[in-house]
């Protein structure tokens, strides 16, 4: 059950003013970031890898291809996946520019 709180008797004599619609809009704009100028992020490619983690399920064929790829490249599994992702992303960005 919710316990309703009552204001102390000493505060009852103070009249509270209702905010104007302009004050409400100014508050809402500040909360939404309406007056803030958007800043462009600069991302560090050598930053620690603690931003996001994903789990990628593989079937047996895909996993065997991954193992063959890491054996040929001398990379770790994670490094191989990261390298392939970055290489494909760069190729797609280059295609989109042309």
PDB file of N, CA and C in Angstrom:
ATOM      1  N   UNK A   1       0.846  -1.164   0.000  1.00  0.00           N
ATOM      2  CA  UNK A   1       0.000   0.000   0.000  1.00  0.00           C
ATOM      3  C   UNK A   1       0.897   1.235   0.000  1.00  0.00           C
ATOM      4  N   UNK A   2       0.484   2.254  -0.720  1.00  0.00           N
ATOM      5  CA  UNK A   2       1.247   3.488  -0.847  1.00  0.00           C
ATOM      6  C   UNK A   2       0.976   4.368   0.352  1.00  0.00           C
ATOM      7  N   UNK A   3       2.055   4.872   0.938  1.00  0.00           N
ATOM      8  CA  UNK A   3       1.903   5.784   2.068  1.00  0.00           C
ATOM      9  C   UNK A   3       1.969   7.203   1.519  1.00  0.00           C
ATOM     10  N   UNK A   4       0.889   7.913   1.652  1.00  0.00           N
ATOM     11  CA  UNK A   4       0.837   9.280   1.136  1.00  0.00           C
ATOM     12  C   UNK A   4       1.535  10.216   2.108  1.00  0.00           C
ATOM     13  N   UNK A   5       2.400  11.049   1.563  1.00  0.00           N
ATOM     14  CA  UNK A   5       3.128  12.006   2.398  1.00  0.00           C
ATOM     15  C   UNK A   5       2.375  13.325   2.449  1.00  0.00           C
ATOM     16  N   UNK A   6       2.336  13.878   3.611  1.00  0.00           N
ATOM     17  CA  UNK A   6       1.675  15.174   3.819  1.00  0.00           C
ATOM     18  C   UNK A   6       2.732  16.220   4.086  1.00  0.00           C
ATOM     19  N   UNK A   7       2.521  17.424   3.564  1.00  0.00           N
ATOM     20  CA  UNK A   7       3.456  18.521   3.784  1.00  0.00           C
ATOM     21  C   UNK A   7       3.356  18.983   5.235  1.00  0.00           C
ATOM     22  N   UNK A   8       4.478  19.364   5.837  1.00  0.00           N
ATOM     23  CA  UNK A   8       4.426  19.885   7.207  1.00  0.00           C
ATOM     24  C   UNK A   8       3.557  21.137   7.278  1.00  0.00           C
ATOM     25  N   UNK A   9       2.975  21.380   8.423  1.00  0.00           N
ATOM     26  CA  UNK A   9       2.057  22.504   8.603  1.00  0.00           C
ATOM     27  C   UNK A   9       2.755  23.845   8.367  1.00  0.00           C
ATOM     28  N   UNK A  10       4.061  23.937   8.616  1.00  0.00           N
ATOM     29  CA  UNK A  10       4.762  25.212   8.437  1.00  0.00           C
ATOM     30  C   UNK A  10       4.877  25.597   6.963  1.00  0.00           C
ATOM     31  N   UNK A  11       4.825  24.656   6.051  1.00  0.00           N
ATOM     32  CA  UNK A  11       4.957  24.948   4.622  1.00  0.00           C
ATOM     33  C   UNK A  11       3.621  25.259   3.955  1.00  0.00           C
ATOM     34  N   UNK A  12       2.521  25.085   4.652  1.00  0.00           N
ATOM     35  CA  UNK A  12       1.210  25.298   4.052  1.00  0.00           C
ATOM     36  C   UNK A  12       0.933  26.768   3.772  1.00  0.00           C
ATOM     37  N   UNK A  13       1.558  27.662   4.519  1.00  0.00           N
ATOM     38  CA  UNK A  13       1.289  29.084   4.335  1.00  0.00           C
ATOM     39  C   UNK A  13       2.017  29.650   3.108  1.00  0.00           C
ATOM     40  N   UNK A  14       2.991  28.941   2.566  1.00  0.00           N
ATOM     41  CA  UNK A  14       3.736  29.412   1.408  1.00  0.00           C
ATOM     42  C   UNK A  14       2.984  28.997   0.152  1.00  0.00           C
ATOM     43  N   UNK A  15       2.620  29.991  -0.656  1.00  0.00           N
ATOM     44  CA  UNK A  15       1.887  29.702  -1.885  1.00  0.00           C
ATOM     45  C   UNK A  15       2.884  29.390  -2.998  1.00  0.00           C
ATOM     46  N   UNK A  16       2.645  28.297  -3.709  1.00  0.00           N
ATOM     47  CA  UNK A  16       3.508  27.924  -4.813  1.00  0.00           C
ATOM     48  C   UNK A  16       2.911  28.440  -6.106  1.00  0.00           C
ATOM     49  N   UNK A  17       3.775  28.990  -6.951  1.00  0.00           N
ATOM     50  CA  UNK A  17       3.314  29.482  -8.243  1.00  0.00           C
ATOM     51  C   UNK A  17       3.388  28.357  -9.262  1.00  0.00           C
ATOM     52  N   UNK A  18       2.406  28.316 -10.131  1.00  0.00           N
ATOM     53  CA  UNK A  18       2.408  27.351 -11.221  1.00  0.00           C
ATOM     54  C   UNK A  18       3.326  27.878 -12.324  1.00  0.00           C
ATOM     55  N   UNK A  19       4.091  26.998 -12.958  1.00  0.00           N
ATOM     56  CA  UNK A  19       4.968  27.471 -14.038  1.00  0.00           C
ATOM     57  C   UNK A  19       4.155  27.893 -15.261  1.00  0.00           C
ATOM     58  N   UNK A  20       4.677  28.872 -15.964  1.00  0.00           N
ATOM     59  CA  UNK A  20       4.015  29.352 -17.176  1.00  0.00           C
ATOM     60  C   UNK A  20       4.296  28.370 -18.318  1.00  0.00           C
ATOM     61  N   UNK A  21       3.497  28.413 -19.359  1.00  0.00           N
ATOM     62  CA  UNK A  21       3.773  27.537 -20.512  1.00  0.00           C
ATOM     63  C   UNK A  21       5.166  27.768 -21.110  1.00  0.00           C
ATOM     64  N   UNK A  22       5.642  29.011 -21.095  1.00  0.00           N
ATOM     65  CA  UNK A  22       6.979  29.308 -21.604  1.00  0.00           C
ATOM     66  C   UNK A  22       8.051  28.639 -20.749  1.00  0.00           C
ATOM     67  N   UNK A  23       7.867  28.654 -19.447  1.00  0.00           N
ATOM     68  CA  UNK A  23       8.817  28.007 -18.543  1.00  0.00           C
ATOM     69  C   UNK A  23       8.813  26.491 -18.750  1.00  0.00           C
ATOM     70  N   UNK A  24       7.643  25.936 -18.965  1.00  0.00           N
ATOM     71  CA  UNK A  24       7.532  24.494 -19.204  1.00  0.00           C
ATOM     72  C   UNK A  24       8.250  24.122 -20.492  1.00  0.00           C
ATOM     73  N   UNK A  25       8.033  24.917 -21.560  1.00  0.00           N
ATOM     74  CA  UNK A  25       8.688  24.641 -22.847  1.00  0.00           C
ATOM     75  C   UNK A  25      10.203  24.792 -22.736  1.00  0.00           C
ATOM     76  N   UNK A  26      10.672  25.806 -21.998  1.00  0.00           N
ATOM     77  CA  UNK A  26      12.112  26.008 -21.831  1.00  0.00           C
ATOM     78  C   UNK A  26      12.729  24.831 -21.075  1.00  0.00           C
ATOM     79  N   UNK A  27      12.022  24.346 -20.061  1.00  0.00           N
ATOM     80  CA  UNK A  27      12.515  23.194 -19.310  1.00  0.00           C
ATOM     81  C   UNK A  27      12.580  21.959 -20.195  1.00  0.00           C
ATOM     82  N   UNK A  28      11.510  21.710 -20.955  1.00  0.00           N
ATOM     83  CA  UNK A  28      11.463  20.537 -21.829  1.00  0.00           C
ATOM     84  C   UNK A  28      12.544  20.611 -22.901  1.00  0.00           C
ATOM     85  N   UNK A  29      12.775  21.797 -23.455  1.00  0.00           N
ATOM     86  CA  UNK A  29      13.810  21.947 -24.482  1.00  0.00           C
ATOM     87  C   UNK A  29      15.183  21.679 -23.887  1.00  0.00           C
ATOM     88  N   UNK A  30      15.398  22.104 -22.662  1.00  0.00           N
ATOM     89  CA  UNK A  30      16.680  21.849 -22.009  1.00  0.00           C
ATOM     90  C   UNK A  30      16.894  20.381 -21.738  1.00  0.00           C
ATOM     91  N   UNK A  31      15.835  19.685 -21.367  1.00  0.00           N
ATOM     92  CA  UNK A  31      15.935  18.247 -21.100  1.00  0.00           C
ATOM     93  C   UNK A  31      16.211  17.486 -22.384  1.00  0.00           C
ATOM     94  N   UNK A  32      15.532  17.878 -23.459  1.00  0.00           N
ATOM     95  CA  UNK A  32      15.695  17.210 -24.751  1.00  0.00           C
ATOM     96  C   UNK A  32      16.981  17.612 -25.452  1.00  0.00           C
ATOM     97  N   UNK A  33      17.685  18.595 -24.915  1.00  0.00           N
ATOM     98  CA  UNK A  33      18.907  19.062 -25.557  1.00  0.00           C
ATOM     99  C   UNK A  33      18.602  19.998 -26.708  1.00  0.00           C
ATOM    100  N   UNK A  34      17.488  20.700 -26.646  1.00  0.00           N
ATOM    101  CA  UNK A  34      17.081  21.588 -27.725  1.00  0.00           C
ATOM    102  C   UNK A  34      18.029  22.745 -27.952  1.00  0.00           C
ATOM    103  N   UNK A  35      18.632  23.274 -26.909  1.00  0.00           N
ATOM    104  CA  UNK A  35      19.514  24.422 -27.055  1.00  0.00           C
ATOM    105  C   UNK A  35      20.970  24.017 -27.231  1.00  0.00           C
ATOM    106  N   UNK A  36      21.278  22.772 -27.048  1.00  0.00           N
ATOM    107  CA  UNK A  36      22.660  22.318 -27.135  1.00  0.00           C
ATOM    108  C   UNK A  36      23.056  22.124 -28.591  1.00  0.00           C
ATOM    109  N   UNK A  37      24.270  22.504 -28.902  1.00  0.00           N
ATOM    110  CA  UNK A  37      24.768  22.276 -30.259  1.00  0.00           C
ATOM    111  C   UNK A  37      25.356  20.879 -30.318  1.00  0.00           C
ATOM    112  N   UNK A  38      24.992  20.098 -31.336  1.00  0.00           N
ATOM    113  CA  UNK A  38      25.526  18.728 -31.423  1.00  0.00           C
ATOM    114  C   UNK A  38      27.023  18.761 -31.704  1.00  0.00           C
ATOM    115  N   UNK A  39      27.745  17.928 -30.986  1.00  0.00           N
ATOM    116  CA  UNK A  39      29.189  17.840 -31.159  1.00  0.00           C
ATOM    117  C   UNK A  39      29.514  16.542 -31.884  1.00  0.00           C
ATOM    118  N   UNK A  40      30.439  16.630 -32.830  1.00  0.00           N
ATOM    119  CA  UNK A  40      30.838  15.444 -33.561  1.00  0.00           C
ATOM    120  C   UNK A  40      31.856  14.674 -32.743  1.00  0.00           C
ATOM    121  N   UNK A  41      31.625  13.370 -32.613  1.00  0.00           N
ATOM    122  CA  UNK A  41      32.532  12.524 -31.840  1.00  0.00           C
ATOM    123  C   UNK A  41      33.772  12.221 -32.655  1.00  0.00           C
ATOM    124  N   UNK A  42      34.899  12.191 -31.977  1.00  0.00           N
ATOM    125  CA  UNK A  42      36.107  11.690 -32.609  1.00  0.00           C
ATOM    126  C   UNK A  42      36.406  10.352 -31.956  1.00  0.00           C
ATOM    127  N   UNK A  43      36.417   9.319 -32.765  1.00  0.00           N
ATOM    128  CA  UNK A  43      36.590   7.965 -32.257  1.00  0.00           C
ATOM    129  C   UNK A  43      38.041   7.539 -32.402  1.00  0.00           C
ATOM    130  N   UNK A  44      38.544   6.880 -31.381  1.00  0.00           N
ATOM    131  CA  UNK A  44      39.918   6.395 -31.361  1.00  0.00           C
ATOM    132  C   UNK A  44      39.917   4.927 -31.742  1.00  0.00           C
ATOM    133  N   UNK A  45      40.622   4.584 -32.821  1.00  0.00           N
ATOM    134  CA  UNK A  45      40.635   3.186 -33.253  1.00  0.00           C
ATOM    135  C   UNK A  45      41.447   2.301 -32.322  1.00  0.00           C
ATOM    136  N   UNK A  46      42.262   2.896 -31.468  1.00  0.00           N
ATOM    137  CA  UNK A  46      43.070   2.115 -30.528  1.00  0.00           C
ATOM    138  C   UNK A  46      42.524   2.171 -29.102  1.00  0.00           C
ATOM    139  N   UNK A  47      41.271   2.590 -28.953  1.00  0.00           N
ATOM    140  CA  UNK A  47      40.657   2.675 -27.628  1.00  0.00           C
ATOM    141  C   UNK A  47      40.469   1.274 -27.056  1.00  0.00           C
ATOM    142  N   UNK A  48      40.370   1.154 -25.729  1.00  0.00           N
ATOM    143  CA  UNK A  48      40.110  -0.162 -25.122  1.00  0.00           C
ATOM    144  C   UNK A  48      38.784  -0.725 -25.630  1.00  0.00           C
ATOM    145  N   UNK A  49      38.716  -2.013 -25.726  1.00  0.00           N
ATOM    146  CA  UNK A  49      37.523  -2.669 -26.275  1.00  0.00           C
ATOM    147  C   UNK A  49      36.539  -3.012 -25.157  1.00  0.00           C
ATOM    148  N   UNK A  50      35.960  -1.978 -24.582  1.00  0.00           N
ATOM    149  CA  UNK A  50      34.987  -2.189 -23.510  1.00  0.00           C
ATOM    150  C   UNK A  50      33.691  -1.431 -23.782  1.00  0.00           C
ATOM    151  N   UNK A  51      33.444  -1.072 -25.039  1.00  0.00           N
ATOM    152  CA  UNK A  51      32.245  -0.312 -25.384  1.00  0.00           C
ATOM    153  C   UNK A  51      31.033  -1.226 -25.549  1.00  0.00           C
ATOM    154  N   UNK A  52      31.121  -2.208 -26.402  1.00  0.00           N
ATOM    155  CA  UNK A  52      30.027  -3.151 -26.651  1.00  0.00           C
ATOM    156  C   UNK A  52      30.599  -4.548 -26.831  1.00  0.00           C
ATOM    157  N   UNK A  53      29.807  -5.525 -26.497  1.00  0.00           N
ATOM    158  CA  UNK A  53      30.182  -6.924 -26.691  1.00  0.00           C
ATOM    159  C   UNK A  53      29.029  -7.618 -27.395  1.00  0.00           C
ATOM    160  N   UNK A  54      29.367  -8.431 -28.396  1.00  0.00           N
ATOM    161  CA  UNK A  54      28.327  -9.203 -29.077  1.00  0.00           C
ATOM    162  C   UNK A  54      28.721 -10.672 -29.078  1.00  0.00           C
ATOM    163  N   UNK A  55      27.733 -11.514 -29.125  1.00  0.00           N
ATOM    164  CA  UNK A  55      27.951 -12.946 -29.226  1.00  0.00           C
ATOM    165  C   UNK A  55      27.484 -13.366 -30.610  1.00  0.00           C
ATOM    166  N   UNK A  56      28.358 -14.011 -31.365  1.00  0.00           N
ATOM    167  CA  UNK A  56      28.031 -14.393 -32.726  1.00  0.00           C
ATOM    168  C   UNK A  56      27.966 -15.910 -32.820  1.00  0.00           C
ATOM    169  N   UNK A  57      26.772 -16.458 -32.954  1.00  0.00           N
ATOM    170  CA  UNK A  57      26.672 -17.910 -33.105  1.00  0.00           C
ATOM    171  C   UNK A  57      27.068 -18.331 -34.519  1.00  0.00           C
ATOM    172  N   UNK A  58      27.845 -19.401 -34.628  1.00  0.00           N
ATOM    173  CA  UNK A  58      28.277 -19.943 -35.906  1.00  0.00           C
ATOM    174  C   UNK A  58      27.719 -21.350 -36.078  1.00  0.00           C
ATOM    175  N   UNK A  59      27.464 -21.722 -37.315  1.00  0.00           N
ATOM    176  CA  UNK A  59      27.189 -23.134 -37.560  1.00  0.00           C
ATOM    177  C   UNK A  59      28.536 -23.819 -37.799  1.00  0.00           C
ATOM    178  N   UNK A  60      28.529 -25.121 -37.970  1.00  0.00           N
ATOM    179  CA  UNK A  60      29.791 -25.859 -38.063  1.00  0.00           C
ATOM    180  C   UNK A  60      30.606 -25.446 -39.292  1.00  0.00           C
ATOM    181  N   UNK A  61      29.930 -25.227 -40.424  1.00  0.00           N
ATOM    182  CA  UNK A  61      30.629 -24.825 -41.636  1.00  0.00           C
ATOM    183  C   UNK A  61      31.324 -23.472 -41.451  1.00  0.00           C
ATOM    184  N   UNK A  62      30.587 -22.502 -40.906  1.00  0.00           N
ATOM    185  CA  UNK A  62      31.155 -21.166 -40.704  1.00  0.00           C
ATOM    186  C   UNK A  62      32.338 -21.210 -39.740  1.00  0.00           C
ATOM    187  N   UNK A  63      32.217 -22.011 -38.701  1.00  0.00           N
ATOM    188  CA  UNK A  63      33.307 -22.111 -37.732  1.00  0.00           C
ATOM    189  C   UNK A  63      34.551 -22.737 -38.368  1.00  0.00           C
ATOM    190  N   UNK A  64      34.352 -23.754 -39.208  1.00  0.00           N
ATOM    191  CA  UNK A  64      35.490 -24.372 -39.893  1.00  0.00           C
ATOM    192  C   UNK A  64      36.161 -23.373 -40.838  1.00  0.00           C
ATOM    193  N   UNK A  65      35.373 -22.542 -41.507  1.00  0.00           N
ATOM    194  CA  UNK A  65      35.947 -21.508 -42.374  1.00  0.00           C
ATOM    195  C   UNK A  65      36.730 -20.493 -41.551  1.00  0.00           C
ATOM    196  N   UNK A  66      36.219 -20.173 -40.371  1.00  0.00           N
ATOM    197  CA  UNK A  66      36.936 -19.266 -39.474  1.00  0.00           C
ATOM    198  C   UNK A  66      38.268 -19.870 -39.056  1.00  0.00           C
ATOM    199  N   UNK A  67      38.263 -21.123 -38.691  1.00  0.00           N
ATOM    200  CA  UNK A  67      39.493 -21.796 -38.263  1.00  0.00           C
ATOM    201  C   UNK A  67      40.497 -21.843 -39.414  1.00  0.00           C
ATOM    202  N   UNK A  68      40.038 -22.153 -40.632  1.00  0.00           N
ATOM    203  CA  UNK A  68      40.939 -22.170 -41.789  1.00  0.00           C
ATOM    204  C   UNK A  68      41.526 -20.777 -42.025  1.00  0.00           C
ATOM    205  N   UNK A  69      40.690 -19.763 -41.897  1.00  0.00           N
ATOM    206  CA  UNK A  69      41.159 -18.394 -42.099  1.00  0.00           C
ATOM    207  C   UNK A  69      42.189 -17.967 -41.071  1.00  0.00           C
ATOM    208  N   UNK A  70      41.969 -18.324 -39.806  1.00  0.00           N
ATOM    209  CA  UNK A  70      42.940 -17.909 -38.778  1.00  0.00           C
ATOM    210  C   UNK A  70      44.243 -18.682 -38.923  1.00  0.00           C
ATOM    211  N   UNK A  71      44.166 -19.920 -39.379  1.00  0.00           N
ATOM    212  CA  UNK A  71      45.397 -20.686 -39.580  1.00  0.00           C
ATOM    213  C   UNK A  71      46.221 -20.112 -40.732  1.00  0.00           C
ATOM    214  N   UNK A  72      45.555 -19.647 -41.774  1.00  0.00           N
ATOM    215  CA  UNK A  72      46.258 -19.066 -42.911  1.00  0.00           C
ATOM    216  C   UNK A  72      46.802 -17.668 -42.614  1.00  0.00           C
ATOM    217  N   UNK A  73      46.071 -16.911 -41.807  1.00  0.00           N
ATOM    218  CA  UNK A  73      46.476 -15.523 -41.561  1.00  0.00           C
ATOM    219  C   UNK A  73      47.373 -15.361 -40.341  1.00  0.00           C
ATOM    220  N   UNK A  74      47.342 -16.323 -39.438  1.00  0.00           N
ATOM    221  CA  UNK A  74      48.129 -16.202 -38.214  1.00  0.00           C
ATOM    222  C   UNK A  74      47.512 -15.253 -37.195  1.00  0.00           C
ATOM    223  N   UNK A  75      46.245 -14.953 -37.365  1.00  0.00           N
ATOM    224  CA  UNK A  75      45.541 -14.061 -36.439  1.00  0.00           C
ATOM    225  C   UNK A  75      44.739 -14.886 -35.433  1.00  0.00           C
ATOM    226  N   UNK A  76      44.326 -14.213 -34.345  1.00  0.00           N
ATOM    227  CA  UNK A  76      43.415 -14.862 -33.411  1.00  0.00           C
ATOM    228  C   UNK A  76      42.010 -14.818 -34.000  1.00  0.00           C
ATOM    229  N   UNK A  77      41.094 -15.570 -33.427  1.00  0.00           N
ATOM    230  CA  UNK A  77      39.724 -15.589 -33.936  1.00  0.00           C
ATOM    231  C   UNK A  77      39.095 -14.199 -33.871  1.00  0.00           C
ATOM    232  N   UNK A  78      39.217 -13.545 -32.726  1.00  0.00           N
ATOM    233  CA  UNK A  78      38.621 -12.217 -32.594  1.00  0.00           C
ATOM    234  C   UNK A  78      39.279 -11.217 -33.523  1.00  0.00           C
ATOM    235  N   UNK A  79      40.598 -11.270 -33.622  1.00  0.00           N
ATOM    236  CA  UNK A  79      41.300 -10.346 -34.497  1.00  0.00           C
ATOM    237  C   UNK A  79      40.916 -10.582 -35.945  1.00  0.00           C
ATOM    238  N   UNK A  80      40.751 -11.834 -36.332  1.00  0.00           N
ATOM    239  CA  UNK A  80      40.344 -12.166 -37.699  1.00  0.00           C
ATOM    240  C   UNK A  80      38.961 -11.597 -38.007  1.00  0.00           C
ATOM    241  N   UNK A  81      38.025 -11.756 -37.078  1.00  0.00           N
ATOM    242  CA  UNK A  81      36.667 -11.249 -37.275  1.00  0.00           C
ATOM    243  C   UNK A  81      36.683  -9.727 -37.339  1.00  0.00           C
ATOM    244  N   UNK A  82      37.430  -9.080 -36.432  1.00  0.00           N
ATOM    245  CA  UNK A  82      37.532  -7.617 -36.450  1.00  0.00           C
ATOM    246  C   UNK A  82      38.140  -7.125 -37.761  1.00  0.00           C
ATOM    247  N   UNK A  83      39.225  -7.771 -38.196  1.00  0.00           N
ATOM    248  CA  UNK A  83      39.901  -7.377 -39.426  1.00  0.00           C
ATOM    249  C   UNK A  83      38.959  -7.500 -40.620  1.00  0.00           C
ATOM    250  N   UNK A  84      38.253  -8.628 -40.703  1.00  0.00           N
ATOM    251  CA  UNK A  84      37.326  -8.847 -41.817  1.00  0.00           C
ATOM    252  C   UNK A  84      36.206  -7.811 -41.797  1.00  0.00           C
ATOM    253  N   UNK A  85      35.685  -7.504 -40.621  1.00  0.00           N
ATOM    254  CA  UNK A  85      34.610  -6.522 -40.500  1.00  0.00           C
ATOM    255  C   UNK A  85      35.090  -5.142 -40.932  1.00  0.00           C
ATOM    256  N   UNK A  86      36.277  -4.735 -40.472  1.00  0.00           N
ATOM    257  CA  UNK A  86      36.799  -3.422 -40.832  1.00  0.00           C
ATOM    258  C   UNK A  86      37.125  -3.331 -42.321  1.00  0.00           C
ATOM    259  N   UNK A  87      37.667  -4.401 -42.882  1.00  0.00           N
ATOM    260  CA  UNK A  87      38.007  -4.414 -44.302  1.00  0.00           C
ATOM    261  C   UNK A  87      36.749  -4.307 -45.157  1.00  0.00           C
ATOM    262  N   UNK A  88      35.719  -5.073 -44.833  1.00  0.00           N
ATOM    263  CA  UNK A  88      34.475  -5.021 -45.590  1.00  0.00           C
ATOM    264  C   UNK A  88      33.803  -3.661 -45.438  1.00  0.00           C
ATOM    265  N   UNK A  89      33.806  -3.111 -44.231  1.00  0.00           N
ATOM    266  CA  UNK A  89      33.192  -1.798 -44.010  1.00  0.00           C
ATOM    267  C   UNK A  89      33.898  -0.732 -44.851  1.00  0.00           C
ATOM    268  N   UNK A  90      35.221  -0.782 -44.915  1.00  0.00           N
ATOM    269  CA  UNK A  90      35.983   0.188 -45.709  1.00  0.00           C
ATOM    270  C   UNK A  90      35.664   0.025 -47.188  1.00  0.00           C
ATOM    271  N   UNK A  91      35.601  -1.201 -47.683  1.00  0.00           N
ATOM    272  CA  UNK A  91      35.272  -1.454 -49.082  1.00  0.00           C
ATOM    273  C   UNK A  91      33.874  -0.915 -49.417  1.00  0.00           C
ATOM    274  N   UNK A  92      32.912  -1.142 -48.529  1.00  0.00           N
ATOM    275  CA  UNK A  92      31.544  -0.668 -48.783  1.00  0.00           C
ATOM    276  C   UNK A  92      31.472   0.857 -48.762  1.00  0.00           C
ATOM    277  N   UNK A  93      32.241   1.490 -47.862  1.00  0.00           N
ATOM    278  CA  UNK A  93      32.270   2.955 -47.811  1.00  0.00           C
ATOM    279  C   UNK A  93      32.903   3.518 -49.076  1.00  0.00           C
ATOM    280  N   UNK A  94      33.966   2.861 -49.581  1.00  0.00           N
ATOM    281  CA  UNK A  94      34.601   3.302 -50.822  1.00  0.00           C
ATOM    282  C   UNK A  94      33.646   3.164 -52.001  1.00  0.00           C
ATOM    283  N   UNK A  95      32.886   2.073 -52.044  1.00  0.00           N
ATOM    284  CA  UNK A  95      31.895   1.885 -53.103  1.00  0.00           C
ATOM    285  C   UNK A  95      30.805   2.947 -53.036  1.00  0.00           C
ATOM    286  N   UNK A  96      30.389   3.291 -51.817  1.00  0.00           N
ATOM    287  CA  UNK A  96      29.314   4.271 -51.655  1.00  0.00           C
ATOM    288  C   UNK A  96      29.770   5.664 -52.120  1.00  0.00           C
ATOM    289  N   UNK A  97      31.066   5.958 -51.984  1.00  0.00           N
ATOM    290  CA  UNK A  97      31.583   7.260 -52.426  1.00  0.00           C
ATOM    291  C   UNK A  97      31.586   7.371 -53.951  1.00  0.00           C
ATOM    292  N   UNK A  98      31.757   6.239 -54.633  1.00  0.00           N
ATOM    293  CA  UNK A  98      31.844   6.253 -56.112  1.00  0.00           C
ATOM    294  C   UNK A  98      30.504   6.176 -56.756  1.00  0.00           C
TER     295      UNK A  98
END
